[in-house]
């Protein structure tokens, strides 16, 4: 099929998906477009790439100082999100009370900018990271937060997943690249690398599967499948991308999220939340044993067709721990690779992260930052368990997001660095609220009104 014809077909398919989405959900405010654009941007290549092509990174130092096009676009989105929030009837004191742990984390990350080797660069990165928090507030202060969450994630999947397939199949100069040492063909789609493509596909696939299982009106399976034909088509694209992307971290996390979505629907599981706690404890224990036992790593790695050191992950972990950063406060927000020793190690190994979200947090912000991050995770887990116990559909989605995100960060670093996985984990810590009936008595949803004063409207049109 010629590339121009394929482009027309895929663009037409995307427009059909977006039209179906507009008809299926309740009408939301115009302000919801802001976090939708934000999520699409942080999940794909920089805007400057689409304007200037592959030479953009050579002309402008995207990774350190950023570029004016992307930087200004993100600033406009953050400012627009703040304007939308100021126009809504929101009790900011309640927001702080309900999200004080997230606030403490971001507050400490801001303070840590002071002892960075390059405070200006660190501060700019903090502003962008704090943009995730602003976008999440815009989402959860919508009149129907559950539908708003579904809209943002599904629309991101509707646009980026088909475009990734289009670029991989018909525009290989954009959708593919070659390994720097082995010249092996790798796939990136709309993202900048195979791991980011895996992360995008993992989260998008979970959102699509959740919508197919819980987002449609109760009906017979055949009727439900007919109603969700478009979502099933995009989900098949996700599975295909995961199969060729060679991102085992995303594949394993997607499998865990899928099992969670399926198992958590069982009444026996909902009635026995102790089982969920033991499962979570078992996963944590297994990951600890996996780290400590080379023999267990060898068995699991062989099953996944990987080497025992997780494609060099364990070697990277040992190397970054030898950087001897301050164990209590770290090097400053997003600054571990700005230090002379960090920059030298990054150049030597060809990396810009520790390939472990928890270790990366420790390097940048020490035990204090890691402790605050774990506290946020505990809050997210507690709120998710409450929703799962209540049998709400949003609880099932957040359980899948949280578990897959925590597992994914074992071999990739996505906390507080504008990544769709880190965005999703942060969302679960804030957007869980009490139960409320929405769109009919036969359908339970969890509407988060925890960030809004009692008796006030959740939001006005932004």
Foldseek 3Di string as FASTA:
>chain_A
DALVVLVVVLVVLLVVLLVVLCVQDDDWFPLLVLLLVLLLCLLFAHPVCVVPNPCPCVVDVCPFPRDPVRLVVLVVSLVSLVVQVVQWFFDQVLQCVLQVLVVVLLVLLLVLLVQAPDSVRSNSLSVSLCSLVSSLLSQQLMLFNVSSVLSSLQSSLSPQLSQLVSCVPHVCSQQWFADPPPRDIAGDRRHDALQSLLQSLLLSLLSLVLCLVAVDDDDDNVVSCVVSVSSVVSNVSSVVSNVRRPNVLSVVLSVQLVVLLVVLLDPVCLQCVVVVVVVVVVVVVVLVCLLVDLVVLCVVCVVVVHHSCRVCLVVLLVQLVVVPADQAFANHRLRLCVDPSNVVVCVVVVDSASQAQLVRQCNHGHPVSSVSVVVLLVLLVVLLSVCSNVVASVSSSLVSLSSSLNSSNGRHHDASRSGSSNSSSNSSSRQFDDKDDDDDPVHIHTRHPSRRDPPGRSRDRD
